[in-house]
Amino acid sequence: MRLKAVKTCALLHDYMKRRCYYLHIENTFEVLDGLKEFGCENNDDIILKCAYVTTKRCENEAVTAVFATNDKILAVKAAAHNIAVADRDVSFTVNVLI
């Protein structure tokens, strides 16, 4: 698990350095500024807010934002807000445009 976390952090850092448009990283102020839909009272709300913002940002783009999670409750909450959801059983190809 630790190796996966290290690889994920390295990948995110690389995308961040290249200013990847499809990677949304919130700063502390953005996290504290909750959306009306969520109120950001717990970690799930913060994660959903980020997925919601990313989905809205990609609404008129040629790409679709997909929220990947194995947390069933979080997936149901995301689906309630019209956020596309995938888990480990869903197979899809990801094309990253940088």
PDB file of N, CA and C in Angstrom:
ATOM      1  N   MET A   1       0.824  -1.189   0.000  1.00  0.00           N
ATOM      2  CA  MET A   1       0.000   0.000   0.000  1.00  0.00           C
ATOM      3  C   MET A   1       0.872   1.258   0.000  1.00  0.00           C
ATOM      4  N   ARG A   2       1.942   1.248   0.783  1.00  0.00           N
ATOM      5  CA  ARG A   2       2.820   2.413   0.847  1.00  0.00           C
ATOM      6  C   ARG A   2       3.444   2.705  -0.517  1.00  0.00           C
ATOM      7  N   LEU A   3       3.839   1.663  -1.234  1.00  0.00           N
ATOM      8  CA  LEU A   3       4.445   1.848  -2.555  1.00  0.00           C
ATOM      9  C   LEU A   3       3.446   2.493  -3.522  1.00  0.00           C
ATOM     10  N   LYS A   4       2.182   2.062  -3.451  1.00  0.00           N
ATOM     11  CA  LYS A   4       1.150   2.659  -4.307  1.00  0.00           C
ATOM     12  C   LYS A   4       0.958   4.138  -3.972  1.00  0.00           C
ATOM     13  N   ALA A   5       0.984   4.462  -2.688  1.00  0.00           N
ATOM     14  CA  ALA A   5       0.823   5.865  -2.273  1.00  0.00           C
ATOM     15  C   ALA A   5       1.986   6.710  -2.776  1.00  0.00           C
ATOM     16  N   VAL A   6       3.190   6.181  -2.689  1.00  0.00           N
ATOM     17  CA  VAL A   6       4.375   6.909  -3.159  1.00  0.00           C
ATOM     18  C   VAL A   6       4.295   7.127  -4.668  1.00  0.00           C
ATOM     19  N   LYS A   7       3.902   6.087  -5.417  1.00  0.00           N
ATOM     20  CA  LYS A   7       3.777   6.209  -6.874  1.00  0.00           C
ATOM     21  C   LYS A   7       2.683   7.206  -7.254  1.00  0.00           C
ATOM     22  N   THR A   8       1.574   7.171  -6.524  1.00  0.00           N
ATOM     23  CA  THR A   8       0.476   8.100  -6.797  1.00  0.00           C
ATOM     24  C   THR A   8       0.906   9.534  -6.545  1.00  0.00           C
ATOM     25  N   CYS A   9       1.597   9.768  -5.434  1.00  0.00           N
ATOM     26  CA  CYS A   9       2.087  11.121  -5.128  1.00  0.00           C
ATOM     27  C   CYS A   9       3.066  11.598  -6.194  1.00  0.00           C
ATOM     28  N   ALA A  10       3.938  10.711  -6.666  1.00  0.00           N
ATOM     29  CA  ALA A  10       4.893  11.077  -7.712  1.00  0.00           C
ATOM     30  C   ALA A  10       4.168  11.437  -9.011  1.00  0.00           C
ATOM     31  N   LEU A  11       3.142  10.665  -9.365  1.00  0.00           N
ATOM     32  CA  LEU A  11       2.361  10.940 -10.569  1.00  0.00           C
ATOM     33  C   LEU A  11       1.646  12.286 -10.454  1.00  0.00           C
ATOM     34  N   LEU A  12       1.007  12.533  -9.315  1.00  0.00           N
ATOM     35  CA  LEU A  12       0.314  13.804  -9.108  1.00  0.00           C
ATOM     36  C   LEU A  12       1.289  14.974  -9.149  1.00  0.00           C
ATOM     37  N   HIS A  13       2.450  14.788  -8.552  1.00  0.00           N
ATOM     38  CA  HIS A  13       3.462  15.852  -8.555  1.00  0.00           C
ATOM     39  C   HIS A  13       3.921  16.154  -9.977  1.00  0.00           C
ATOM     40  N   ASP A  14       4.111  15.102 -10.780  1.00  0.00           N
ATOM     41  CA  ASP A  14       4.526  15.279 -12.171  1.00  0.00           C
ATOM     42  C   ASP A  14       3.463  16.039 -12.963  1.00  0.00           C
ATOM     43  N   TYR A  15       2.192  15.659 -12.807  1.00  0.00           N
ATOM     44  CA  TYR A  15       1.103  16.368 -13.487  1.00  0.00           C
ATOM     45  C   TYR A  15       1.022  17.819 -13.037  1.00  0.00           C
ATOM     46  N   MET A  16       1.203  18.034 -11.743  1.00  0.00           N
ATOM     47  CA  MET A  16       1.137  19.386 -11.198  1.00  0.00           C
ATOM     48  C   MET A  16       2.232  20.266 -11.812  1.00  0.00           C
ATOM     49  N   LYS A  17       3.442  19.721 -11.926  1.00  0.00           N
ATOM     50  CA  LYS A  17       4.552  20.479 -12.501  1.00  0.00           C
ATOM     51  C   LYS A  17       4.289  20.843 -13.956  1.00  0.00           C
ATOM     52  N   ARG A  18       3.585  19.953 -14.675  1.00  0.00           N
ATOM     53  CA  ARG A  18       3.288  20.206 -16.086  1.00  0.00           C
ATOM     54  C   ARG A  18       2.015  21.029 -16.265  1.00  0.00           C
ATOM     55  N   ARG A  19       1.414  21.454 -15.154  1.00  0.00           N
ATOM     56  CA  ARG A  19       0.186  22.256 -15.158  1.00  0.00           C
ATOM     57  C   ARG A  19      -0.933  21.576 -15.948  1.00  0.00           C
ATOM     58  N   CYS A  20      -1.165  20.319 -15.642  1.00  0.00           N
ATOM     59  CA  CYS A  20      -2.220  19.539 -16.281  1.00  0.00           C
ATOM     60  C   CYS A  20      -3.576  20.159 -15.966  1.00  0.00           C
ATOM     61  N   TYR A  21      -4.319  20.547 -16.985  1.00  0.00           N
ATOM     62  CA  TYR A  21      -5.614  21.207 -16.828  1.00  0.00           C
ATOM     63  C   TYR A  21      -6.640  20.301 -16.146  1.00  0.00           C
ATOM     64  N   TYR A  22      -6.506  18.993 -16.331  1.00  0.00           N
ATOM     65  CA  TYR A  22      -7.505  18.061 -15.815  1.00  0.00           C
ATOM     66  C   TYR A  22      -7.233  17.615 -14.385  1.00  0.00           C
ATOM     67  N   LEU A  23      -6.195  18.117 -13.781  1.00  0.00           N
ATOM     68  CA  LEU A  23      -5.897  17.815 -12.381  1.00  0.00           C
ATOM     69  C   LEU A  23      -6.290  19.018 -11.546  1.00  0.00           C
ATOM     70  N   HIS A  24      -7.220  18.817 -10.637  1.00  0.00           N
ATOM     71  CA  HIS A  24      -7.678  19.917  -9.782  1.00  0.00           C
ATOM     72  C   HIS A  24      -7.181  19.669  -8.365  1.00  0.00           C
ATOM     73  N   ILE A  25      -6.304  20.525  -7.895  1.00  0.00           N
ATOM     74  CA  ILE A  25      -5.800  20.440  -6.527  1.00  0.00           C
ATOM     75  C   ILE A  25      -6.278  21.677  -5.796  1.00  0.00           C
ATOM     76  N   GLU A  26      -7.009  21.461  -4.712  1.00  0.00           N
ATOM     77  CA  GLU A  26      -7.540  22.592  -3.966  1.00  0.00           C
ATOM     78  C   GLU A  26      -6.541  23.069  -2.926  1.00  0.00           C
ATOM     79  N   ASN A  27      -6.470  24.391  -2.767  1.00  0.00           N
ATOM     80  CA  ASN A  27      -5.653  24.929  -1.687  1.00  0.00           C
ATOM     81  C   ASN A  27      -6.499  24.973  -0.414  1.00  0.00           C
ATOM     82  N   THR A  28      -5.898  25.354   0.683  1.00  0.00           N
ATOM     83  CA  THR A  28      -6.582  25.364   1.974  1.00  0.00           C
ATOM     84  C   THR A  28      -7.826  26.233   1.961  1.00  0.00           C
ATOM     85  N   PHE A  29      -7.751  27.378   1.314  1.00  0.00           N
ATOM     86  CA  PHE A  29      -8.890  28.293   1.278  1.00  0.00           C
ATOM     87  C   PHE A  29     -10.057  27.716   0.482  1.00  0.00           C
ATOM     88  N   GLU A  30      -9.752  27.025  -0.627  1.00  0.00           N
ATOM     89  CA  GLU A  30     -10.808  26.405  -1.426  1.00  0.00           C
ATOM     90  C   GLU A  30     -11.501  25.288  -0.647  1.00  0.00           C
ATOM     91  N   VAL A  31     -10.725  24.540   0.111  1.00  0.00           N
ATOM     92  CA  VAL A  31     -11.298  23.461   0.914  1.00  0.00           C
ATOM     93  C   VAL A  31     -12.244  24.026   1.964  1.00  0.00           C
ATOM     94  N   LEU A  32     -11.847  25.117   2.586  1.00  0.00           N
ATOM     95  CA  LEU A  32     -12.665  25.715   3.638  1.00  0.00           C
ATOM     96  C   LEU A  32     -13.922  26.383   3.096  1.00  0.00           C
ATOM     97  N   ASP A  33     -13.883  26.774   1.828  1.00  0.00           N
ATOM     98  CA  ASP A  33     -15.020  27.440   1.203  1.00  0.00           C
ATOM     99  C   ASP A  33     -15.953  26.382   0.613  1.00  0.00           C
ATOM    100  N   GLY A  34     -16.825  25.793   1.427  1.00  0.00           N
ATOM    101  CA  GLY A  34     -17.700  24.697   1.011  1.00  0.00           C
ATOM    102  C   GLY A  34     -18.807  25.136   0.080  1.00  0.00           C
ATOM    103  N   LEU A  35     -19.228  24.217  -0.772  1.00  0.00           N
ATOM    104  CA  LEU A  35     -20.369  24.465  -1.644  1.00  0.00           C
ATOM    105  C   LEU A  35     -21.662  24.254  -0.870  1.00  0.00           C
ATOM    106  N   LYS A  36     -22.730  24.912  -1.300  1.00  0.00           N
ATOM    107  CA  LYS A  36     -24.033  24.774  -0.639  1.00  0.00           C
ATOM    108  C   LYS A  36     -24.505  23.321  -0.654  1.00  0.00           C
ATOM    109  N   GLU A  37     -24.210  22.603  -1.752  1.00  0.00           N
ATOM    110  CA  GLU A  37     -24.674  21.213  -1.878  1.00  0.00           C
ATOM    111  C   GLU A  37     -24.096  20.309  -0.800  1.00  0.00           C
ATOM    112  N   PHE A  38     -22.893  20.618  -0.321  1.00  0.00           N
ATOM    113  CA  PHE A  38     -22.214  19.703   0.587  1.00  0.00           C
ATOM    114  C   PHE A  38     -22.011  20.261   1.991  1.00  0.00           C
ATOM    115  N   GLY A  39     -21.680  21.510   2.116  1.00  0.00           N
ATOM    116  CA  GLY A  39     -21.420  22.074   3.427  1.00  0.00           C
ATOM    117  C   GLY A  39     -20.075  21.664   4.002  1.00  0.00           C
ATOM    118  N   CYS A  40     -19.442  20.683   3.437  1.00  0.00           N
ATOM    119  CA  CYS A  40     -18.106  20.208   3.824  1.00  0.00           C
ATOM    120  C   CYS A  40     -17.959  20.030   5.333  1.00  0.00           C
ATOM    121  N   GLU A  41     -18.720  19.102   5.872  1.00  0.00           N
ATOM    122  CA  GLU A  41     -18.651  18.819   7.296  1.00  0.00           C
ATOM    123  C   GLU A  41     -17.700  17.676   7.626  1.00  0.00           C
ATOM    124  N   ASN A  42     -17.357  16.842   6.644  1.00  0.00           N
ATOM    125  CA  ASN A  42     -16.438  15.722   6.894  1.00  0.00           C
ATOM    126  C   ASN A  42     -15.600  15.450   5.644  1.00  0.00           C
ATOM    127  N   ASN A  43     -14.724  14.449   5.725  1.00  0.00           N
ATOM    128  CA  ASN A  43     -13.824  14.149   4.604  1.00  0.00           C
ATOM    129  C   ASN A  43     -14.580  13.758   3.334  1.00  0.00           C
ATOM    130  N   ASP A  44     -15.666  12.989   3.474  1.00  0.00           N
ATOM    131  CA  ASP A  44     -16.459  12.617   2.297  1.00  0.00           C
ATOM    132  C   ASP A  44     -16.976  13.854   1.571  1.00  0.00           C
ATOM    133  N   ASP A  45     -17.428  14.832   2.340  1.00  0.00           N
ATOM    134  CA  ASP A  45     -17.949  16.061   1.736  1.00  0.00           C
ATOM    135  C   ASP A  45     -16.868  16.821   0.981  1.00  0.00           C
ATOM    136  N   ILE A  46     -15.666  16.843   1.526  1.00  0.00           N
ATOM    137  CA  ILE A  46     -14.555  17.534   0.866  1.00  0.00           C
ATOM    138  C   ILE A  46     -14.194  16.818  -0.437  1.00  0.00           C
ATOM    139  N   ILE A  47     -14.164  15.487  -0.401  1.00  0.00           N
ATOM    140  CA  ILE A  47     -13.866  14.698  -1.599  1.00  0.00           C
ATOM    141  C   ILE A  47     -14.959  14.901  -2.650  1.00  0.00           C
ATOM    142  N   LEU A  48     -16.223  14.861  -2.216  1.00  0.00           N
ATOM    143  CA  LEU A  48     -17.340  15.072  -3.143  1.00  0.00           C
ATOM    144  C   LEU A  48     -17.314  16.464  -3.751  1.00  0.00           C
ATOM    145  N   LYS A  49     -16.967  17.451  -2.947  1.00  0.00           N
ATOM    146  CA  LYS A  49     -16.897  18.826  -3.461  1.00  0.00           C
ATOM    147  C   LYS A  49     -15.880  18.908  -4.594  1.00  0.00           C
ATOM    148  N   CYS A  50     -14.724  18.301  -4.402  1.00  0.00           N
ATOM    149  CA  CYS A  50     -13.679  18.321  -5.429  1.00  0.00           C
ATOM    150  C   CYS A  50     -14.161  17.598  -6.695  1.00  0.00           C
ATOM    151  N   ALA A  51     -14.818  16.453  -6.531  1.00  0.00           N
ATOM    152  CA  ALA A  51     -15.349  15.715  -7.681  1.00  0.00           C
ATOM    153  C   ALA A  51     -16.430  16.523  -8.392  1.00  0.00           C
ATOM    154  N   TYR A  52     -17.261  17.196  -7.626  1.00  0.00           N
ATOM    155  CA  TYR A  52     -18.337  18.020  -8.191  1.00  0.00           C
ATOM    156  C   TYR A  52     -17.764  19.191  -8.992  1.00  0.00           C
ATOM    157  N   VAL A  53     -16.785  19.873  -8.421  1.00  0.00           N
ATOM    158  CA  VAL A  53     -16.157  21.013  -9.100  1.00  0.00           C
ATOM    159  C   VAL A  53     -15.492  20.551 -10.394  1.00  0.00           C
ATOM    160  N   THR A  54     -14.792  19.419 -10.341  1.00  0.00           N
ATOM    161  CA  THR A  54     -14.123  18.893 -11.530  1.00  0.00           C
ATOM    162  C   THR A  54     -15.145  18.497 -12.592  1.00  0.00           C
ATOM    163  N   THR A  55     -16.233  17.855 -12.183  1.00  0.00           N
ATOM    164  CA  THR A  55     -17.290  17.471 -13.124  1.00  0.00           C
ATOM    165  C   THR A  55     -17.893  18.697 -13.791  1.00  0.00           C
ATOM    166  N   LYS A  56     -18.170  19.720 -13.013  1.00  0.00           N
ATOM    167  CA  LYS A  56     -18.744  20.957 -13.562  1.00  0.00           C
ATOM    168  C   LYS A  56     -17.762  21.638 -14.506  1.00  0.00           C
ATOM    169  N   ARG A  57     -16.476  21.612 -14.155  1.00  0.00           N
ATOM    170  CA  ARG A  57     -15.466  22.261 -14.986  1.00  0.00           C
ATOM    171  C   ARG A  57     -15.336  21.565 -16.345  1.00  0.00           C
ATOM    172  N   CYS A  58     -15.556  20.260 -16.378  1.00  0.00           N
ATOM    173  CA  CYS A  58     -15.419  19.492 -17.621  1.00  0.00           C
ATOM    174  C   CYS A  58     -16.733  19.355 -18.383  1.00  0.00           C
ATOM    175  N   GLU A  59     -17.790  19.983 -17.892  1.00  0.00           N
ATOM    176  CA  GLU A  59     -19.121  19.842 -18.476  1.00  0.00           C
ATOM    177  C   GLU A  59     -19.171  20.156 -19.972  1.00  0.00           C
ATOM    178  N   ASN A  60     -18.507  21.189 -20.406  1.00  0.00           N
ATOM    179  CA  ASN A  60     -18.541  21.602 -21.813  1.00  0.00           C
ATOM    180  C   ASN A  60     -17.270  21.225 -22.562  1.00  0.00           C
ATOM    181  N   GLU A  61     -16.534  20.267 -22.029  1.00  0.00           N
ATOM    182  CA  GLU A  61     -15.287  19.816 -22.648  1.00  0.00           C
ATOM    183  C   GLU A  61     -15.528  18.512 -23.406  1.00  0.00           C
ATOM    184  N   ALA A  62     -14.526  18.108 -24.162  1.00  0.00           N
ATOM    185  CA  ALA A  62     -14.613  16.856 -24.917  1.00  0.00           C
ATOM    186  C   ALA A  62     -14.265  15.647 -24.052  1.00  0.00           C
ATOM    187  N   VAL A  63     -14.050  15.864 -22.760  1.00  0.00           N
ATOM    188  CA  VAL A  63     -13.709  14.785 -21.836  1.00  0.00           C
ATOM    189  C   VAL A  63     -14.803  14.651 -20.784  1.00  0.00           C
ATOM    190  N   THR A  64     -14.820  13.504 -20.137  1.00  0.00           N
ATOM    191  CA  THR A  64     -15.770  13.265 -19.056  1.00  0.00           C
ATOM    192  C   THR A  64     -14.997  13.015 -17.775  1.00  0.00           C
ATOM    193  N   ALA A  65     -15.364  13.695 -16.724  1.00  0.00           N
ATOM    194  CA  ALA A  65     -14.747  13.453 -15.422  1.00  0.00           C
ATOM    195  C   ALA A  65     -15.394  12.213 -14.818  1.00  0.00           C
ATOM    196  N   VAL A  66     -14.569  11.290 -14.330  1.00  0.00           N
ATOM    197  CA  VAL A  66     -15.063  10.070 -13.698  1.00  0.00           C
ATOM    198  C   VAL A  66     -14.472   9.992 -12.301  1.00  0.00           C
ATOM    199  N   PHE A  67     -15.331   9.828 -11.316  1.00  0.00           N
ATOM    200  CA  PHE A  67     -14.922   9.731  -9.919  1.00  0.00           C
ATOM    201  C   PHE A  67     -14.675   8.257  -9.610  1.00  0.00           C
ATOM    202  N   ALA A  68     -13.434   7.892  -9.315  1.00  0.00           N
ATOM    203  CA  ALA A  68     -13.073   6.504  -9.037  1.00  0.00           C
ATOM    204  C   ALA A  68     -12.994   6.280  -7.531  1.00  0.00           C
ATOM    205  N   THR A  69     -13.819   5.367  -7.035  1.00  0.00           N
ATOM    206  CA  THR A  69     -13.818   5.044  -5.610  1.00  0.00           C
ATOM    207  C   THR A  69     -14.349   3.631  -5.398  1.00  0.00           C
ATOM    208  N   ASN A  70     -13.859   2.973  -4.358  1.00  0.00           N
ATOM    209  CA  ASN A  70     -14.397   1.680  -3.950  1.00  0.00           C
ATOM    210  C   ASN A  70     -15.326   1.828  -2.751  1.00  0.00           C
ATOM    211  N   ASP A  71     -15.492   3.040  -2.263  1.00  0.00           N
ATOM    212  CA  ASP A  71     -16.371   3.331  -1.135  1.00  0.00           C
ATOM    213  C   ASP A  71     -17.809   3.414  -1.652  1.00  0.00           C
ATOM    214  N   LYS A  72     -18.638   2.439  -1.293  1.00  0.00           N
ATOM    215  CA  LYS A  72     -20.003   2.366  -1.828  1.00  0.00           C
ATOM    216  C   LYS A  72     -20.864   3.551  -1.400  1.00  0.00           C
ATOM    217  N   ILE A  73     -20.728   3.980  -0.167  1.00  0.00           N
ATOM    218  CA  ILE A  73     -21.521   5.117   0.311  1.00  0.00           C
ATOM    219  C   ILE A  73     -21.124   6.390  -0.431  1.00  0.00           C
ATOM    220  N   LEU A  74     -19.822   6.591  -0.608  1.00  0.00           N
ATOM    221  CA  LEU A  74     -19.333   7.759  -1.337  1.00  0.00           C
ATOM    222  C   LEU A  74     -19.800   7.716  -2.794  1.00  0.00           C
ATOM    223  N   ALA A  75     -19.812   6.520  -3.387  1.00  0.00           N
ATOM    224  CA  ALA A  75     -20.278   6.364  -4.769  1.00  0.00           C
ATOM    225  C   ALA A  75     -21.757   6.733  -4.899  1.00  0.00           C
ATOM    226  N   VAL A  76     -22.561   6.334  -3.927  1.00  0.00           N
ATOM    227  CA  VAL A  76     -23.990   6.665  -3.953  1.00  0.00           C
ATOM    228  C   VAL A  76     -24.185   8.174  -3.814  1.00  0.00           C
ATOM    229  N   LYS A  77     -23.422   8.792  -2.909  1.00  0.00           N
ATOM    230  CA  LYS A  77     -23.514  10.249  -2.734  1.00  0.00           C
ATOM    231  C   LYS A  77     -23.127  10.968  -4.026  1.00  0.00           C
ATOM    232  N   ALA A  78     -22.066  10.484  -4.678  1.00  0.00           N
ATOM    233  CA  ALA A  78     -21.616  11.103  -5.930  1.00  0.00           C
ATOM    234  C   ALA A  78     -22.682  10.952  -7.015  1.00  0.00           C
ATOM    235  N   ALA A  79     -23.247   9.765  -7.127  1.00  0.00           N
ATOM    236  CA  ALA A  79     -24.281   9.526  -8.136  1.00  0.00           C
ATOM    237  C   ALA A  79     -25.495  10.425  -7.900  1.00  0.00           C
ATOM    238  N   ALA A  80     -25.797  10.708  -6.650  1.00  0.00           N
ATOM    239  CA  ALA A  80     -26.921  11.592  -6.328  1.00  0.00           C
ATOM    240  C   ALA A  80     -26.696  13.005  -6.844  1.00  0.00           C
ATOM    241  N   HIS A  81     -25.426  13.364  -7.065  1.00  0.00           N
ATOM    242  CA  HIS A  81     -25.084  14.691  -7.585  1.00  0.00           C
ATOM    243  C   HIS A  81     -24.678  14.637  -9.055  1.00  0.00           C
ATOM    244  N   ASN A  82     -25.096  13.555  -9.746  1.00  0.00           N
ATOM    245  CA  ASN A  82     -24.822  13.374 -11.182  1.00  0.00           C
ATOM    246  C   ASN A  82     -23.336  13.363 -11.511  1.00  0.00           C
ATOM    247  N   ILE A  83     -22.545  12.772 -10.642  1.00  0.00           N
ATOM    248  CA  ILE A  83     -21.114  12.607 -10.880  1.00  0.00           C
ATOM    249  C   ILE A  83     -20.901  11.172 -11.360  1.00  0.00           C
ATOM    250  N   ALA A  84     -20.257  10.999 -12.525  1.00  0.00           N
ATOM    251  CA  ALA A  84     -19.981   9.657 -13.048  1.00  0.00           C
ATOM    252  C   ALA A  84     -19.047   8.931 -12.090  1.00  0.00           C
ATOM    253  N   VAL A  85     -19.370   7.671 -11.770  1.00  0.00           N
ATOM    254  CA  VAL A  85     -18.622   6.913 -10.767  1.00  0.00           C
ATOM    255  C   VAL A  85     -18.121   5.606 -11.365  1.00  0.00           C
ATOM    256  N   ALA A  86     -16.897   5.223 -11.006  1.00  0.00           N
ATOM    257  CA  ALA A  86     -16.330   3.935 -11.396  1.00  0.00           C
ATOM    258  C   ALA A  86     -15.638   3.332 -10.183  1.00  0.00           C
ATOM    259  N   ASP A  87     -15.665   1.991 -10.096  1.00  0.00           N
ATOM    260  CA  ASP A  87     -14.925   1.316  -9.032  1.00  0.00           C
ATOM    261  C   ASP A  87     -13.932   0.351  -9.668  1.00  0.00           C
ATOM    262  N   ARG A  88     -13.299  -0.472  -8.855  1.00  0.00           N
ATOM    263  CA  ARG A  88     -12.252  -1.351  -9.388  1.00  0.00           C
ATOM    264  C   ARG A  88     -12.790  -2.377 -10.383  1.00  0.00           C
ATOM    265  N   ASP A  89     -14.091  -2.642 -10.373  1.00  0.00           N
ATOM    266  CA  ASP A  89     -14.676  -3.608 -11.300  1.00  0.00           C
ATOM    267  C   ASP A  89     -14.958  -3.016 -12.675  1.00  0.00           C
ATOM    268  N   VAL A  90     -14.878  -1.697 -12.797  1.00  0.00           N
ATOM    269  CA  VAL A  90     -15.130  -1.034 -14.072  1.00  0.00           C
ATOM    270  C   VAL A  90     -13.808  -0.897 -14.813  1.00  0.00           C
ATOM    271  N   SER A  91     -13.802  -1.328 -16.051  1.00  0.00           N
ATOM    272  CA  SER A  91     -12.593  -1.245 -16.865  1.00  0.00           C
ATOM    273  C   SER A  91     -12.755  -0.131 -17.890  1.00  0.00           C
ATOM    274  N   PHE A  92     -11.833   0.817 -17.879  1.00  0.00           N
ATOM    275  CA  PHE A  92     -11.862   1.881 -18.873  1.00  0.00           C
ATOM    276  C   PHE A  92     -10.450   2.377 -19.121  1.00  0.00           C
ATOM    277  N   THR A  93     -10.266   3.010 -20.258  1.00  0.00           N
ATOM    278  CA  THR A  93      -8.967   3.546 -20.631  1.00  0.00           C
ATOM    279  C   THR A  93      -8.933   5.032 -20.316  1.00  0.00           C
ATOM    280  N   VAL A  94      -7.853   5.461 -19.711  1.00  0.00           N
ATOM    281  CA  VAL A  94      -7.703   6.869 -19.363  1.00  0.00           C
ATOM    282  C   VAL A  94      -6.668   7.489 -20.286  1.00  0.00           C
ATOM    283  N   ASN A  95      -7.056   8.537 -20.982  1.00  0.00           N
ATOM    284  CA  ASN A  95      -6.134   9.300 -21.813  1.00  0.00           C
ATOM    285  C   ASN A  95      -5.885  10.629 -21.130  1.00  0.00           C
ATOM    286  N   VAL A  96      -4.658  10.890 -20.766  1.00  0.00           N
ATOM    287  CA  VAL A  96      -4.317  12.143 -20.101  1.00  0.00           C
ATOM    288  C   VAL A  96      -3.735  13.084 -21.137  1.00  0.00           C
ATOM    289  N   LEU A  97      -4.363  14.230 -21.300  1.00  0.00           N
ATOM    290  CA  LEU A  97      -3.891  15.235 -22.244  1.00  0.00           C
ATOM    291  C   LEU A  97      -3.138  16.304 -21.479  1.00  0.00           C
ATOM    292  N   ILE A  98      -1.893  16.445 -21.775  1.00  0.00           N
ATOM    293  CA  ILE A  98      -1.077  17.441 -21.074  1.00  0.00           C
ATOM    294  C   ILE A  98      -0.538  18.433 -22.079  1.00  0.00           C
TER     295      ILE A  98
END
